[in-house]
Amino acid sequence: MSLQEQHQEKVGKLGWLVKSQPHLSFLFSALSKNNSRPSARSLRAVDKALAYAQQTHRALELKGLKEGEHPVLVGWVDASYKLSEKTGRKGLEFQIVSQSALKDLCALGYVNTVA
């Protein structure tokens, strides 16, 4: 298997992990930039990212809101796009939270978060 095939396969695995571990979104975005011209160094970085993902694994956690709370869909984005080159990477995360939780966005955590 070529270096590029190895890199793309491993970055693809990381991409699937992002679905249940949104905190890996930026890491996935940064590492996927090397897919077309990977180096041994970038492949080692992907291996380290996969090891980190395994160590920090969190199950997807979805909880209902309390009765009477109004649900709000919160979207987070980390995007970089160059219109002239038609290239870019982005990471998206969404959370369903109660309207009252919007008072302190830093305290939201990862409950009800999908990427």
Protein backbone atom coordinates (compact mmCIF):
# COMPACT_ATOMS: atom_id res chain seq x y z
CA MET A 1 0.00 0.00 0.00
CA SER A 2 1.41 3.39 -0.98
CA LEU A 3 2.03 6.19 1.50
CA GLN A 4 -0.89 8.14 0.01
CA GLU A 5 -3.26 5.16 0.32
CA GLN A 6 -2.22 4.59 3.94
CA HIS A 7 -2.67 8.27 4.75
CA GLN A 8 -6.10 8.49 3.11
CA GLU A 9 -7.31 5.32 4.82
CA LYS A 10 -6.25 6.51 8.26
CA VAL A 11 -7.60 10.03 7.77
CA GLY A 12 -10.86 8.43 6.63
CA LYS A 13 -11.04 6.51 9.91
CA LEU A 14 -10.43 9.73 11.80
CA GLY A 15 -13.24 11.34 9.80
CA TRP A 16 -15.68 8.70 11.02
CA LEU A 17 -14.52 9.17 14.60
CA VAL A 18 -15.32 12.88 14.34
CA LYS A 19 -19.03 11.98 14.07
CA SER A 20 -19.12 10.86 17.69
CA GLN A 21 -16.13 12.84 18.98
CA PRO A 22 -16.59 16.40 17.68
CA HIS A 23 -13.54 17.66 19.56
CA LEU A 24 -11.47 15.95 16.82
CA SER A 25 -12.95 18.12 14.03
CA PHE A 26 -10.11 20.60 13.81
CA LEU A 27 -7.51 17.84 13.98
CA PHE A 28 -9.24 15.96 11.15
CA SER A 29 -9.43 19.13 9.08
CA ALA A 30 -5.75 19.93 9.54
CA LEU A 31 -4.56 16.39 8.80
CA SER A 32 -6.77 15.88 5.76
CA LYS A 33 -4.96 18.72 3.98
CA ASN A 34 -2.06 16.32 3.40
CA ASN A 35 -4.14 13.63 1.67
CA SER A 36 -2.98 14.45 -1.85
CA ARG A 37 0.73 14.75 -0.98
CA PRO A 38 1.40 13.01 2.32
CA SER A 39 4.80 12.60 3.92
CA ALA A 40 6.08 10.09 6.45
CA ARG A 41 5.80 12.88 9.03
CA SER A 42 2.12 13.56 8.24
CA LEU A 43 1.39 9.81 8.42
CA ARG A 44 2.96 9.70 11.90
CA ALA A 45 0.76 12.66 12.88
CA VAL A 46 -2.34 10.78 11.73
CA ASP A 47 -1.24 7.71 13.72
CA LYS A 48 -0.84 9.89 16.81
CA ALA A 49 -4.28 11.42 16.23
CA LEU A 50 -5.87 7.96 16.00
CA ALA A 51 -4.11 6.91 19.22
CA TYR A 52 -5.34 10.09 20.90
CA ALA A 53 -8.89 9.41 19.67
CA GLN A 54 -8.75 5.93 21.15
CA GLN A 55 -7.54 7.27 24.51
CA THR A 56 -10.16 10.03 24.69
CA HIS A 57 -13.07 8.01 23.31
CA ARG A 58 -16.46 9.22 24.48
CA ALA A 59 -19.69 7.53 23.57
CA LEU A 60 -22.25 9.68 21.79
CA GLU A 61 -24.47 11.02 24.57
CA LEU A 62 -27.97 12.24 23.81
CA LYS A 63 -30.30 13.39 26.58
CA GLY A 64 -33.80 14.78 26.46
CA LEU A 65 -34.63 18.23 27.74
CA LYS A 66 -36.71 18.76 30.85
CA GLU A 67 -40.41 19.23 30.37
CA GLY A 68 -41.27 22.82 29.58
CA GLU A 69 -37.79 23.73 28.25
CA HIS A 70 -37.62 25.14 24.75
CA PRO A 71 -35.10 23.34 22.50
CA VAL A 72 -32.56 25.34 20.53
CA LEU A 73 -30.27 24.03 17.79
CA VAL A 74 -26.78 25.49 18.21
CA GLY A 75 -24.29 25.22 15.36
CA TRP A 76 -20.54 25.56 15.64
CA VAL A 77 -18.25 25.92 12.63
CA ASP A 78 -14.52 26.06 12.07
CA ALA A 79 -14.24 26.86 8.39
CA SER A 80 -11.56 27.89 5.95
CA TYR A 81 -12.47 28.33 2.29
CA LYS A 82 -10.62 29.96 -0.60
CA LEU A 83 -13.23 30.81 -3.21
CA SER A 84 -10.62 31.54 -5.90
CA GLU A 85 -9.10 28.05 -5.53
CA LYS A 86 -12.35 26.23 -4.70
CA THR A 87 -10.59 24.55 -1.76
CA GLY A 88 -11.29 24.44 1.90
CA ARG A 89 -11.77 22.44 5.05
CA LYS A 90 -14.51 22.78 7.57
CA GLY A 91 -15.69 21.26 10.79
CA LEU A 92 -19.32 21.45 11.85
CA GLU A 93 -20.88 20.54 15.18
CA PHE A 94 -24.48 20.80 16.27
CA GLN A 95 -26.07 20.62 19.70
CA ILE A 96 -29.63 20.57 20.93
CA VAL A 97 -29.79 22.55 24.16
CA SER A 98 -32.41 24.32 26.21
CA GLN A 99 -32.95 28.01 25.64
CA SER A 100 -31.82 28.72 29.20
CA ALA A 101 -28.45 27.01 28.49
CA LEU A 102 -27.58 29.78 26.03
CA LYS A 103 -26.73 32.07 28.95
CA ASP A 104 -23.36 30.32 29.35
CA LEU A 105 -22.09 28.76 26.11
CA CYS A 106 -18.80 27.73 27.73
CA ALA A 107 -20.64 25.39 30.10
CA LEU A 108 -22.47 23.41 27.40
CA GLY A 109 -20.13 20.39 27.29
CA TYR A 110 -20.60 17.60 24.74
CA VAL A 111 -24.07 16.26 25.58
CA ASN A 112 -26.37 16.23 22.53
CA THR A 113 -23.48 17.08 20.19
CA VAL A 114 -23.00 15.58 16.73
CA ALA A 115 -20.60 16.52 13.99
